[in-house]
C-alpha cells in the first residue's frame, strides 16, 4: 500500500490541509496514520482530484460532494453489474 502524506499532497496540489480534513470528516476519503502523520493512499488520488475540482471549480459544498460521490460509486457498481450480465448473456448465446 503506497501512501503520500497529507502535507505533501496539499503542497503539490495547492490545497489547504483543512480541505482534506473535511473530506476525511465527511468520510469521502480514508487516511492512514504513519508515525503520527496522516497519509492518504495513492489509489485515492483520482477521487480526491475529482473532489477538488468539484469543490473549487464548481463551488460544490461538502454535503454535495458526498451526494455526488455516492452517486458516482453507484453508477460504477451498476456498470460493473451490467458488464457481468452481458458476459453471462454472451456465454449462453
N, C-alpha and C. Protein backbone atom coordinates (compact mmCIF):
# COMPACT_ATOMS: atom_id res chain seq x y z
N UNK A 1 0.86 -1.18 0.00
CA UNK A 1 0.00 0.00 0.00
C UNK A 1 0.90 1.24 0.00
N UNK A 2 0.86 1.97 -1.09
CA UNK A 2 1.65 3.20 -1.19
C UNK A 2 0.82 4.36 -0.69
N UNK A 3 1.48 5.26 0.02
CA UNK A 3 0.78 6.42 0.57
C UNK A 3 1.59 7.69 0.33
N UNK A 4 0.92 8.81 0.54
CA UNK A 4 1.57 10.11 0.49
C UNK A 4 1.04 10.90 1.68
N UNK A 5 1.91 11.66 2.31
CA UNK A 5 1.45 12.44 3.46
C UNK A 5 0.49 13.53 2.98
N UNK A 6 -0.45 13.85 3.84
CA UNK A 6 -1.42 14.88 3.50
C UNK A 6 -0.71 16.21 3.27
N UNK A 7 0.33 16.48 4.03
CA UNK A 7 1.08 17.73 3.86
C UNK A 7 1.72 17.79 2.47
N UNK A 8 2.34 16.70 2.04
CA UNK A 8 2.95 16.67 0.70
C UNK A 8 1.89 16.81 -0.38
N UNK A 9 0.78 16.12 -0.21
CA UNK A 9 -0.31 16.19 -1.19
C UNK A 9 -0.80 17.62 -1.32
N UNK A 10 -1.03 18.27 -0.19
CA UNK A 10 -1.56 19.64 -0.19
C UNK A 10 -0.58 20.62 -0.82
N UNK A 11 0.69 20.43 -0.57
CA UNK A 11 1.70 21.28 -1.18
C UNK A 11 1.71 21.10 -2.70
N UNK A 12 1.66 19.86 -3.14
CA UNK A 12 1.70 19.56 -4.57
C UNK A 12 0.45 20.08 -5.29
N UNK A 13 -0.73 19.91 -4.68
CA UNK A 13 -1.98 20.30 -5.33
C UNK A 13 -2.45 21.70 -4.93
N UNK A 14 -1.69 22.35 -4.08
CA UNK A 14 -2.00 23.72 -3.65
C UNK A 14 -3.41 23.83 -3.04
N UNK A 15 -3.70 22.92 -2.11
CA UNK A 15 -4.96 22.97 -1.36
C UNK A 15 -4.64 23.00 0.13
N UNK A 16 -5.58 23.49 0.90
CA UNK A 16 -5.39 23.56 2.34
C UNK A 16 -5.58 22.19 2.98
N UNK A 17 -4.83 21.94 4.04
CA UNK A 17 -4.99 20.69 4.78
C UNK A 17 -6.38 20.59 5.38
N UNK A 18 -6.98 21.72 5.70
CA UNK A 18 -8.33 21.70 6.26
C UNK A 18 -9.33 21.14 5.26
N UNK A 19 -9.09 21.34 3.96
CA UNK A 19 -9.95 20.76 2.94
C UNK A 19 -9.89 19.23 3.00
N UNK A 20 -8.68 18.69 3.08
CA UNK A 20 -8.51 17.24 3.16
C UNK A 20 -9.11 16.72 4.46
N UNK A 21 -8.92 17.46 5.56
CA UNK A 21 -9.53 17.06 6.83
C UNK A 21 -11.05 17.02 6.73
N UNK A 22 -11.63 17.95 5.99
CA UNK A 22 -13.08 17.94 5.80
C UNK A 22 -13.52 16.74 4.97
N UNK A 23 -12.74 16.38 3.96
CA UNK A 23 -13.06 15.18 3.18
C UNK A 23 -13.03 13.94 4.07
N UNK A 24 -12.09 13.91 4.99
CA UNK A 24 -12.00 12.79 5.93
C UNK A 24 -13.19 12.81 6.88
N UNK A 25 -13.55 13.99 7.37
CA UNK A 25 -14.68 14.13 8.29
C UNK A 25 -15.97 13.65 7.64
N UNK A 26 -16.17 13.99 6.38
CA UNK A 26 -17.38 13.57 5.65
C UNK A 26 -17.25 12.14 5.11
N UNK A 27 -16.15 11.47 5.47
CA UNK A 27 -15.89 10.09 5.07
C UNK A 27 -15.87 9.91 3.55
N UNK A 28 -15.41 10.94 2.86
CA UNK A 28 -15.25 10.86 1.41
C UNK A 28 -13.94 10.17 1.05
N UNK A 29 -12.97 10.26 1.95
CA UNK A 29 -11.69 9.56 1.78
C UNK A 29 -11.28 9.01 3.13
N UNK A 30 -10.35 8.07 3.09
CA UNK A 30 -9.81 7.50 4.31
C UNK A 30 -8.34 7.89 4.43
N UNK A 31 -7.85 7.86 5.64
CA UNK A 31 -6.44 8.15 5.85
C UNK A 31 -5.79 7.03 6.64
N UNK A 32 -4.47 6.99 6.56
CA UNK A 32 -3.66 6.04 7.32
C UNK A 32 -2.71 6.88 8.15
N UNK A 33 -2.57 6.53 9.42
CA UNK A 33 -1.65 7.28 10.26
C UNK A 33 -0.33 6.51 10.37
N UNK A 34 0.72 7.14 9.89
CA UNK A 34 2.06 6.56 9.95
C UNK A 34 2.98 7.52 10.69
N UNK A 35 3.55 7.04 11.77
CA UNK A 35 4.47 7.85 12.56
C UNK A 35 3.88 9.22 12.90
N UNK A 36 2.70 9.23 13.40
CA UNK A 36 1.96 10.41 13.87
C UNK A 36 1.58 11.42 12.78
N UNK A 37 1.76 11.05 11.52
CA UNK A 37 1.30 11.93 10.44
C UNK A 37 0.25 11.20 9.61
N UNK A 38 -0.71 11.96 9.13
CA UNK A 38 -1.77 11.38 8.32
C UNK A 38 -1.30 11.24 6.87
N UNK A 39 -1.64 10.10 6.30
CA UNK A 39 -1.31 9.81 4.90
C UNK A 39 -2.58 9.38 4.17
N UNK A 40 -2.58 9.59 2.87
CA UNK A 40 -3.67 9.09 2.04
C UNK A 40 -3.08 8.07 1.08
N UNK A 41 -3.92 7.13 0.67
CA UNK A 41 -3.46 6.10 -0.24
C UNK A 41 -3.37 6.65 -1.66
N UNK A 42 -2.36 6.21 -2.37
CA UNK A 42 -2.14 6.66 -3.75
C UNK A 42 -3.36 6.35 -4.61
N UNK A 43 -4.01 5.22 -4.36
CA UNK A 43 -5.17 4.83 -5.18
C UNK A 43 -6.36 5.77 -5.00
N UNK A 44 -6.36 6.58 -3.94
CA UNK A 44 -7.45 7.54 -3.71
C UNK A 44 -7.22 8.89 -4.37
N UNK A 45 -6.07 9.09 -4.99
CA UNK A 45 -5.73 10.40 -5.53
C UNK A 45 -6.70 10.82 -6.64
N UNK A 46 -7.11 9.91 -7.51
CA UNK A 46 -8.06 10.27 -8.57
C UNK A 46 -9.37 10.79 -7.98
N UNK A 47 -9.85 10.12 -6.95
CA UNK A 47 -11.08 10.57 -6.29
C UNK A 47 -10.88 11.94 -5.67
N UNK A 48 -9.77 12.14 -5.01
CA UNK A 48 -9.51 13.43 -4.36
C UNK A 48 -9.39 14.54 -5.40
N UNK A 49 -8.72 14.26 -6.52
CA UNK A 49 -8.62 15.25 -7.60
C UNK A 49 -10.00 15.65 -8.10
N UNK A 50 -10.87 14.65 -8.28
CA UNK A 50 -12.24 14.93 -8.74
C UNK A 50 -12.98 15.78 -7.71
N UNK A 51 -12.82 15.48 -6.43
CA UNK A 51 -13.49 16.24 -5.38
C UNK A 51 -12.95 17.67 -5.31
N UNK A 52 -11.66 17.83 -5.51
CA UNK A 52 -11.06 19.18 -5.52
C UNK A 52 -11.66 20.01 -6.65
N UNK A 53 -11.74 19.42 -7.85
CA UNK A 53 -12.30 20.16 -8.99
C UNK A 53 -13.75 20.53 -8.75
N UNK A 54 -14.54 19.61 -8.24
CA UNK A 54 -15.95 19.91 -7.99
C UNK A 54 -16.11 21.01 -6.94
N UNK A 55 -15.29 20.95 -5.90
CA UNK A 55 -15.42 21.92 -4.82
C UNK A 55 -14.95 23.31 -5.25
N UNK A 56 -13.77 23.39 -5.84
CA UNK A 56 -13.20 24.70 -6.16
C UNK A 56 -13.69 25.26 -7.50
N UNK A 57 -13.85 24.42 -8.51
CA UNK A 57 -14.27 24.91 -9.82
C UNK A 57 -15.77 25.09 -9.94
N UNK A 58 -16.53 24.19 -9.30
CA UNK A 58 -17.99 24.24 -9.41
C UNK A 58 -18.67 24.73 -8.14
N UNK A 59 -17.89 25.04 -7.11
CA UNK A 59 -18.41 25.54 -5.83
C UNK A 59 -19.41 24.59 -5.19
N UNK A 60 -19.13 23.29 -5.26
CA UNK A 60 -19.98 22.29 -4.62
C UNK A 60 -19.54 22.16 -3.17
N UNK A 61 -20.50 22.27 -2.23
CA UNK A 61 -20.15 22.15 -0.81
C UNK A 61 -19.92 20.68 -0.44
N UNK A 62 -19.51 20.43 0.80
CA UNK A 62 -19.13 19.08 1.20
C UNK A 62 -20.32 18.12 1.22
N UNK A 63 -21.49 18.61 1.56
CA UNK A 63 -22.68 17.76 1.52
C UNK A 63 -22.96 17.34 0.08
N UNK A 64 -22.81 18.29 -0.85
CA UNK A 64 -22.99 18.00 -2.27
C UNK A 64 -21.94 17.03 -2.78
N UNK A 65 -20.69 17.20 -2.33
CA UNK A 65 -19.64 16.28 -2.72
C UNK A 65 -19.96 14.86 -2.27
N UNK A 66 -20.51 14.74 -1.07
CA UNK A 66 -20.88 13.43 -0.53
C UNK A 66 -21.94 12.78 -1.40
N UNK A 67 -22.97 13.54 -1.75
CA UNK A 67 -24.05 13.01 -2.58
C UNK A 67 -23.53 12.62 -3.96
N UNK A 68 -22.77 13.51 -4.59
CA UNK A 68 -22.24 13.24 -5.93
C UNK A 68 -21.33 12.02 -5.91
N UNK A 69 -20.47 11.94 -4.91
CA UNK A 69 -19.55 10.81 -4.81
C UNK A 69 -20.30 9.49 -4.65
N UNK A 70 -21.36 9.49 -3.83
CA UNK A 70 -22.17 8.28 -3.66
C UNK A 70 -22.85 7.89 -4.97
N UNK A 71 -23.36 8.87 -5.70
CA UNK A 71 -24.00 8.58 -6.99
C UNK A 71 -22.99 8.02 -8.00
N UNK A 72 -21.81 8.59 -8.03
CA UNK A 72 -20.76 8.09 -8.94
C UNK A 72 -20.41 6.64 -8.58
N UNK A 73 -20.30 6.35 -7.29
CA UNK A 73 -20.00 4.98 -6.86
C UNK A 73 -21.12 4.02 -7.27
N UNK A 74 -22.37 4.46 -7.14
CA UNK A 74 -23.50 3.62 -7.55
C UNK A 74 -23.48 3.38 -9.06
N UNK A 75 -23.19 4.42 -9.83
CA UNK A 75 -23.11 4.28 -11.29
C UNK A 75 -22.03 3.28 -11.66
N UNK A 76 -20.87 3.39 -11.02
CA UNK A 76 -19.78 2.45 -11.32
C UNK A 76 -20.16 1.02 -10.96
N UNK A 77 -20.85 0.83 -9.85
CA UNK A 77 -21.30 -0.51 -9.46
C UNK A 77 -22.29 -1.06 -10.47
N UNK A 78 -23.20 -0.21 -10.93
CA UNK A 78 -24.19 -0.65 -11.92
C UNK A 78 -23.52 -0.99 -13.25
N UNK A 79 -22.53 -0.21 -13.64
CA UNK A 79 -21.80 -0.51 -14.88
C UNK A 79 -21.11 -1.87 -14.79
N UNK A 80 -20.53 -2.12 -13.63
CA UNK A 80 -19.87 -3.40 -13.43
C UNK A 80 -20.88 -4.55 -13.49
N UNK A 81 -22.04 -4.35 -12.88
CA UNK A 81 -23.09 -5.37 -12.90
C UNK A 81 -23.58 -5.61 -14.32
N UNK A 82 -23.77 -4.56 -15.09
CA UNK A 82 -24.20 -4.69 -16.48
C UNK A 82 -23.16 -5.48 -17.27
N UNK A 83 -21.90 -5.20 -17.04
CA UNK A 83 -20.83 -5.91 -17.74
C UNK A 83 -20.87 -7.40 -17.42
N UNK A 84 -21.06 -7.74 -16.16
CA UNK A 84 -21.15 -9.15 -15.75
C UNK A 84 -22.34 -9.82 -16.41
N UNK A 85 -23.48 -9.13 -16.41
CA UNK A 85 -24.68 -9.70 -17.01
C UNK A 85 -24.53 -9.87 -18.53
N UNK A 86 -23.88 -8.92 -19.19
CA UNK A 86 -23.63 -9.05 -20.63
C UNK A 86 -22.75 -10.27 -20.91
N UNK A 87 -21.75 -10.47 -20.07
CA UNK A 87 -20.88 -11.64 -20.25
C UNK A 87 -21.66 -12.94 -20.08
N UNK A 88 -22.59 -12.97 -19.14
CA UNK A 88 -23.42 -14.16 -18.95
C UNK A 88 -24.31 -14.40 -20.16
N UNK A 89 -24.88 -13.33 -20.69
CA UNK A 89 -25.74 -13.46 -21.87
C UNK A 89 -24.92 -13.96 -23.05
N UNK A 90 -23.73 -13.40 -23.24
CA UNK A 90 -22.86 -13.84 -24.34
C UNK A 90 -22.49 -15.32 -24.21
N UNK A 91 -22.33 -15.77 -22.98
CA UNK A 91 -21.98 -17.16 -22.74
C UNK A 91 -23.11 -18.09 -23.19
N UNK A 92 -24.35 -17.69 -22.99
CA UNK A 92 -25.49 -18.54 -23.31
C UNK A 92 -25.96 -18.40 -24.76
N UNK A 93 -25.43 -17.46 -25.50
CA UNK A 93 -25.84 -17.29 -26.90
C UNK A 93 -25.12 -18.21 -27.83
